[in-house]
């Protein structure tokens, strides 16, 4: 066992204010005190433990302490090194006091808090091959894209090969300290793309798919990545009770219509049915004439999606009494 493990155990089970009087702490300092790494690790652990004492001690019930512990972990989810320290100190010093049900709930929430991304944004850059010029999605939502990303960004990007609406959705969802996976993958090797997407699906708390009808057309030349991502997430969430809350769809079609099921290939029909059954919101195309009201409508839809993702994060801090 390293001195780090020893330090974590000692700090987890003793108040920082009395740590200097603990015999095991004195022994560790005598044995490793000349090692600069020991001093640096001790200081980091002590700072984190002081914060935990501030938030998890006092007049809290055991239930409130468990929920507050998860809240602390959730707030530190983007700092892997600090997150590990918080988790180790909580599990060594506080978790043993909780009921078995509260410990099980903590373990289940921790599995999702420790994931890398708040959401995975799935989208396509495909469109009908006979169409010349810009990707239609960049034309239909031009004014919304310019509103979110700026006119210069819209004008300076390759609007034929990219999906700038997806970039706009991603930027809108990421505000207020949220972090999602967004990967414009069209130019990379298929095997590398599949591996990267699979890892990101497994590392995301919520799956959001920006749906376009072209996704239900089989791309004969390569993998249908949107279907691959959807299937992968369904497999990963197979045993999760609240999985339907963790899969969200947004439909981006100018005429606000999803392709009719008889026109959908058999392999994609369950996917299509799932989208239809959830009553996925539609993003209406933004015309010049009514762009202000249309932009406001799209923002409201994306605000709701953002709130749904946020709600799922907050549910991770709940434990039973």
Protein backbone atom coordinates (compact mmCIF):
# COMPACT_ATOMS: atom_id res chain seq x y z
CA UNK A 1 0.00 0.00 0.00
CA UNK A 2 1.37 3.47 -0.93
CA UNK A 3 1.62 6.39 1.45
CA UNK A 4 -1.24 7.97 -0.51
CA UNK A 5 -3.58 5.18 0.54
CA UNK A 6 -2.40 5.53 4.15
CA UNK A 7 -2.90 9.28 4.08
CA UNK A 8 -6.39 8.92 2.63
CA UNK A 9 -7.41 6.48 5.33
CA UNK A 10 -6.01 8.62 8.16
CA UNK A 11 -7.56 11.85 6.89
CA UNK A 12 -10.88 10.15 6.09
CA UNK A 13 -11.30 8.87 9.64
CA UNK A 14 -10.01 11.87 11.59
CA UNK A 15 -10.87 15.61 11.72
CA UNK A 16 -8.28 17.83 10.04
CA UNK A 17 -8.12 19.98 13.17
CA UNK A 18 -6.84 17.04 15.22
CA UNK A 19 -4.81 15.22 12.56
CA UNK A 20 -1.45 16.30 14.05
CA UNK A 21 -2.24 14.33 17.22
CA UNK A 22 -3.04 11.06 15.44
CA UNK A 23 -0.25 8.52 15.98
CA UNK A 24 -0.53 6.95 12.54
CA UNK A 25 -0.23 10.39 10.96
CA UNK A 26 2.87 11.12 13.02
CA UNK A 27 4.41 7.82 11.90
CA UNK A 28 3.72 8.60 8.24
CA UNK A 29 5.32 12.02 8.56
CA UNK A 30 8.37 10.52 10.28
CA UNK A 31 8.73 7.87 7.57
CA UNK A 32 8.05 9.97 4.46
CA UNK A 33 8.42 13.59 5.63
CA UNK A 34 11.53 14.26 3.53
CA UNK A 35 9.80 13.09 0.34
CA UNK A 36 8.43 16.18 -1.51
CA UNK A 37 5.75 14.01 -3.14
CA UNK A 38 4.49 13.03 0.31
CA UNK A 39 4.16 16.65 1.34
CA UNK A 40 2.38 17.61 -1.88
CA UNK A 41 -0.07 14.68 -1.61
CA UNK A 42 -0.74 15.38 2.05
CA UNK A 43 -1.54 19.03 1.29
CA UNK A 44 -3.95 18.08 -1.53
CA UNK A 45 -5.75 15.53 0.62
CA UNK A 46 -5.99 17.93 3.54
CA UNK A 47 -7.54 20.67 1.41
CA UNK A 48 -10.17 18.27 0.03
CA UNK A 49 -10.96 16.86 3.48
CA UNK A 50 -11.44 20.38 4.86
CA UNK A 51 -14.00 21.04 2.12
CA UNK A 52 -15.80 17.79 2.90
CA UNK A 53 -15.95 18.67 6.58
CA UNK A 54 -17.50 22.00 5.59
CA UNK A 55 -20.22 20.39 3.46
CA UNK A 56 -20.83 16.97 5.04
CA UNK A 57 -20.62 17.65 8.74
CA UNK A 58 -22.54 19.73 11.25
CA UNK A 59 -26.26 19.26 11.80
CA UNK A 60 -26.87 17.02 8.77
CA UNK A 61 -28.86 13.80 8.99
CA UNK A 62 -27.26 10.66 7.60
CA UNK A 63 -29.62 10.91 4.60
CA UNK A 64 -28.71 14.55 3.96
CA UNK A 65 -25.03 13.74 4.32
CA UNK A 66 -25.26 11.02 1.65
CA UNK A 67 -27.08 13.35 -0.74
CA UNK A 68 -24.63 16.16 -0.07
CA UNK A 69 -21.74 13.77 -0.77
CA UNK A 70 -23.19 12.97 -4.18
CA UNK A 71 -23.77 16.67 -4.81
CA UNK A 72 -20.10 17.38 -4.11
CA UNK A 73 -19.01 14.60 -6.46
CA UNK A 74 -21.35 15.85 -9.19
CA UNK A 75 -19.94 19.37 -8.92
CA UNK A 76 -16.38 18.05 -9.28
CA UNK A 77 -17.10 15.69 -12.20
CA UNK A 78 -14.89 17.58 -14.67
CA UNK A 79 -11.78 17.36 -12.44
CA UNK A 80 -10.71 13.68 -12.48
CA UNK A 81 -7.82 14.02 -10.02
CA UNK A 82 -9.86 15.95 -7.45
CA UNK A 83 -12.90 13.76 -8.06
CA UNK A 84 -10.92 10.67 -7.11
CA UNK A 85 -9.78 12.28 -3.85
CA UNK A 86 -13.31 13.32 -2.93
CA UNK A 87 -14.62 9.84 -3.74
CA UNK A 88 -11.94 8.02 -1.76
CA UNK A 89 -12.35 10.23 1.32
CA UNK A 90 -16.15 9.92 1.18
CA UNK A 91 -16.14 6.14 0.82
CA UNK A 92 -13.55 5.67 3.57
CA UNK A 93 -14.83 8.21 6.07
CA UNK A 94 -18.55 8.82 5.56
CA UNK A 95 -20.14 6.02 3.53
CA UNK A 96 -19.75 3.36 6.29
CA UNK A 97 -22.24 5.36 8.41
CA UNK A 98 -25.04 5.09 5.85
CA UNK A 99 -27.71 2.40 5.54
CA UNK A 100 -27.19 -0.47 3.04
CA UNK A 101 -29.88 1.05 0.79
CA UNK A 102 -28.19 4.45 0.86
CA UNK A 103 -24.82 2.86 0.11
CA UNK A 104 -26.29 0.96 -2.85
CA UNK A 105 -27.91 4.15 -4.16
CA UNK A 106 -24.60 6.00 -3.77
CA UNK A 107 -22.76 3.27 -5.71
CA UNK A 108 -25.30 3.39 -8.57
CA UNK A 109 -25.12 7.18 -8.82
CA UNK A 110 -21.33 7.17 -8.65
CA UNK A 111 -21.14 4.93 -11.71
CA UNK A 112 -22.87 7.62 -13.74
CA UNK A 113 -21.25 10.62 -12.08
CA UNK A 114 -17.83 9.18 -12.90
CA UNK A 115 -18.65 9.08 -16.63
CA UNK A 116 -16.89 11.60 -18.87
CA UNK A 117 -19.74 13.47 -20.58
CA UNK A 118 -23.10 14.89 -19.52
CA UNK A 119 -24.55 14.04 -22.93
CA UNK A 120 -23.70 12.51 -26.29
CA UNK A 121 -24.96 14.47 -29.30
CA UNK A 122 -25.70 12.20 -32.25
CA UNK A 123 -26.25 13.77 -35.69
CA UNK A 124 -25.61 13.24 -39.38
CA UNK A 125 -23.81 15.21 -42.07
CA UNK A 126 -25.51 13.22 -44.84
CA UNK A 127 -28.12 14.52 -47.29
CA UNK A 128 -29.56 13.37 -50.60
CA UNK A 129 -26.68 12.87 -53.09
CA UNK A 130 -28.47 14.58 -55.95
CA UNK A 131 -28.53 17.90 -54.09
CA UNK A 132 -25.81 20.31 -55.20
CA UNK A 133 -24.45 23.10 -53.04
CA UNK A 134 -24.79 23.49 -49.28
CA UNK A 135 -26.10 20.84 -46.94
CA UNK A 136 -29.85 21.63 -46.78
CA UNK A 137 -29.80 21.64 -42.98
CA UNK A 138 -27.46 24.64 -43.13
CA UNK A 139 -29.85 26.45 -45.46
CA UNK A 140 -33.06 25.65 -43.57
CA UNK A 141 -31.64 26.79 -40.23
CA UNK A 142 -29.28 29.48 -41.51
CA UNK A 143 -30.58 32.30 -39.33
CA UNK A 144 -30.66 30.20 -36.17
CA UNK A 145 -27.10 29.02 -36.84
CA UNK A 146 -25.97 32.60 -37.37
CA UNK A 147 -27.76 33.65 -34.18
CA UNK A 148 -25.98 30.98 -32.10
CA UNK A 149 -22.56 30.73 -33.79
CA UNK A 150 -22.28 34.10 -35.51
CA UNK A 151 -22.42 35.20 -39.13
CA UNK A 152 -18.64 34.97 -39.57
CA UNK A 153 -18.62 31.35 -38.33
CA UNK A 154 -21.45 30.45 -40.71
CA UNK A 155 -19.77 32.13 -43.68
CA UNK A 156 -16.31 30.71 -42.89
CA UNK A 157 -17.25 27.02 -42.64
CA UNK A 158 -17.68 24.35 -45.30
CA UNK A 159 -21.47 24.31 -45.39
CA UNK A 160 -21.50 21.40 -47.82
CA UNK A 161 -19.69 18.88 -45.60
CA UNK A 162 -20.72 20.03 -42.13
CA UNK A 163 -23.91 20.16 -40.07
CA UNK A 164 -23.80 23.59 -38.48
CA UNK A 165 -27.21 23.09 -36.89
CA UNK A 166 -25.67 20.28 -34.84
CA UNK A 167 -22.86 22.64 -33.82
CA UNK A 168 -25.50 25.18 -32.75
CA UNK A 169 -27.43 22.61 -30.72
CA UNK A 170 -24.21 21.50 -29.04
CA UNK A 171 -23.27 25.07 -28.10
CA UNK A 172 -26.74 25.74 -26.75
CA UNK A 173 -26.74 22.59 -24.62
CA UNK A 174 -23.22 23.11 -23.27
CA UNK A 175 -23.98 26.44 -21.62
CA UNK A 176 -24.20 26.69 -17.82
CA UNK A 177 -21.27 24.37 -17.12
CA UNK A 178 -22.46 21.34 -19.05
CA UNK A 179 -20.07 19.24 -21.12
CA UNK A 180 -21.14 17.03 -24.02
CA UNK A 181 -19.54 14.78 -26.62
CA UNK A 182 -19.68 16.25 -30.14
CA UNK A 183 -17.70 14.64 -32.94
CA UNK A 184 -17.83 15.72 -36.60
CA UNK A 185 -16.49 12.37 -37.81
CA UNK A 186 -16.98 12.29 -41.58
CA UNK A 187 -13.31 12.59 -42.56
CA UNK A 188 -11.80 9.87 -40.38
CA UNK A 189 -11.16 6.14 -40.78
CA UNK A 190 -14.31 4.05 -40.15
CA UNK A 191 -12.73 1.70 -37.60
CA UNK A 192 -11.32 4.63 -35.61
CA UNK A 193 -14.65 6.44 -35.72
CA UNK A 194 -16.61 3.39 -34.51
CA UNK A 195 -14.21 2.82 -31.62
CA UNK A 196 -14.30 6.48 -30.58
CA UNK A 197 -18.09 6.70 -30.79
CA UNK A 198 -18.60 3.48 -28.85
CA UNK A 199 -16.35 4.72 -26.04
CA UNK A 200 -18.14 8.07 -25.92
CA UNK A 201 -21.57 6.40 -25.83
CA UNK A 202 -20.43 4.33 -22.86
CA UNK A 203 -19.03 7.46 -21.21
CA UNK A 204 -22.11 9.70 -21.51
CA UNK A 205 -24.93 10.18 -19.02
CA UNK A 206 -27.67 11.17 -21.53
CA UNK A 207 -28.04 10.41 -25.26
CA UNK A 208 -29.42 13.19 -27.49
CA UNK A 209 -30.04 12.51 -31.18
CA UNK A 210 -30.71 15.23 -33.75
CA UNK A 211 -32.94 13.32 -36.17
CA UNK A 212 -33.21 13.91 -39.91
CA UNK A 213 -35.06 11.72 -42.38
CA UNK A 214 -31.88 10.98 -44.31
CA UNK A 215 -30.77 8.91 -41.32
CA UNK A 216 -33.35 6.26 -42.30
CA UNK A 217 -31.75 5.86 -45.73
CA UNK A 218 -29.12 3.14 -45.66
CA UNK A 219 -25.69 4.51 -46.66
CA UNK A 220 -24.42 1.71 -48.86
CA UNK A 221 -20.84 2.96 -48.87
CA UNK A 222 -20.30 3.02 -45.08
CA UNK A 223 -21.75 2.45 -41.63
CA UNK A 224 -24.87 4.32 -40.58
CA UNK A 225 -23.26 5.97 -37.57
CA UNK A 226 -26.49 7.42 -36.17
CA UNK A 227 -28.07 3.96 -36.07
CA UNK A 228 -24.83 2.53 -34.65
CA UNK A 229 -24.85 5.11 -31.85
CA UNK A 230 -28.52 4.53 -31.09
CA UNK A 231 -28.10 0.76 -30.95
CA UNK A 232 -25.01 1.03 -28.78
CA UNK A 233 -26.78 3.25 -26.25
CA UNK A 234 -29.80 0.93 -26.15
CA UNK A 235 -27.46 -1.95 -25.33
CA UNK A 236 -25.63 0.02 -22.65
CA UNK A 237 -28.89 1.07 -20.98
CA UNK A 238 -30.62 -2.30 -21.29
CA UNK A 239 -30.72 -2.89 -17.53
CA UNK A 240 -31.29 0.71 -16.42
CA UNK A 241 -34.74 1.37 -14.97
CA UNK A 242 -34.99 5.00 -16.11
CA UNK A 243 -33.40 4.45 -19.53
CA UNK A 244 -36.21 6.22 -21.42
CA UNK A 245 -35.37 9.46 -19.63
CA UNK A 246 -31.78 9.07 -20.78
CA UNK A 247 -32.58 8.90 -24.52
CA UNK A 248 -33.80 12.15 -26.07
CA UNK A 249 -34.66 12.97 -29.69
CA UNK A 250 -35.03 16.26 -31.58
CA UNK A 251 -36.31 16.22 -35.18
CA UNK A 252 -34.80 18.72 -37.64
CA UNK A 253 -36.90 18.72 -40.81
CA UNK A 254 -38.02 21.79 -42.75
CA UNK A 255 -41.58 20.52 -43.19
CA UNK A 256 -41.69 19.12 -39.62
CA UNK A 257 -42.57 15.62 -40.78
CA UNK A 258 -40.89 12.33 -39.98
CA UNK A 259 -40.69 9.91 -42.92
CA UNK A 260 -43.61 7.44 -42.85
CA UNK A 261 -42.85 4.00 -41.48
CA UNK A 262 -43.65 2.00 -44.67
CA UNK A 263 -40.79 3.88 -46.34
CA UNK A 264 -38.31 3.01 -43.58
CA UNK A 265 -36.03 -0.05 -44.06
CA UNK A 266 -36.98 -2.95 -41.79
CA UNK A 267 -33.70 -2.73 -39.85
CA UNK A 268 -34.50 0.84 -38.84
CA UNK A 269 -38.19 0.50 -37.99
CA UNK A 270 -37.81 -0.06 -34.24
CA UNK A 271 -35.59 3.01 -34.13
CA UNK A 272 -38.16 5.02 -36.11
CA UNK A 273 -40.98 3.75 -33.88
CA UNK A 274 -39.04 4.74 -30.77
CA UNK A 275 -38.60 8.31 -32.02
CA UNK A 276 -42.27 8.56 -32.99
CA UNK A 277 -43.51 7.13 -29.68
CA UNK A 278 -41.58 9.66 -27.60
CA UNK A 279 -43.24 12.62 -29.27
CA UNK A 280 -39.89 14.13 -30.17
CA UNK A 281 -40.02 17.94 -30.60
CA UNK A 282 -39.55 19.38 -34.08
CA UNK A 283 -37.24 22.24 -34.96
CA UNK A 284 -39.05 24.35 -37.55
CA UNK A 285 -37.00 25.88 -40.36
CA UNK A 286 -36.12 29.53 -39.77
CA UNK A 287 -37.24 31.88 -42.55
CA UNK A 288 -36.11 35.48 -42.93
CA UNK A 289 -39.65 36.81 -42.56
CA UNK A 290 -40.37 35.30 -39.12
CA UNK A 291 -36.86 34.52 -37.95
CA UNK A 292 -37.17 36.26 -34.57
CA UNK A 293 -40.15 34.17 -33.45
CA UNK A 294 -38.75 30.97 -34.99
CA UNK A 295 -35.37 31.47 -33.29
CA UNK A 296 -37.18 32.00 -29.99
CA UNK A 297 -39.19 28.80 -30.53
CA UNK A 298 -36.04 26.77 -31.25
CA UNK A 299 -34.33 28.17 -28.19
CA UNK A 300 -37.28 27.14 -26.02
CA UNK A 301 -37.12 23.58 -27.37
CA UNK A 302 -33.39 23.34 -26.73
CA UNK A 303 -33.83 24.92 -23.31
CA UNK A 304 -36.23 22.10 -22.47
CA UNK A 305 -33.73 19.48 -23.66
CA UNK A 306 -31.02 21.19 -21.60
CA UNK A 307 -33.29 21.12 -18.55
CA UNK A 308 -34.05 17.42 -19.07
CA UNK A 309 -30.33 16.62 -19.10
CA UNK A 310 -29.82 18.79 -16.03
CA UNK A 311 -32.71 17.04 -14.25
CA UNK A 312 -31.04 13.68 -14.82
CA UNK A 313 -27.82 15.01 -13.31
CA UNK A 314 -29.67 16.24 -10.24
CA UNK A 315 -31.45 12.90 -9.81
CA UNK A 316 -28.01 11.36 -9.30
CA UNK A 317 -27.79 13.18 -5.96
CA UNK A 318 -30.94 11.51 -4.56
CA UNK A 319 -30.74 8.64 -2.07
CA UNK A 320 -33.51 6.84 -0.11
CA UNK A 321 -34.25 7.60 3.55
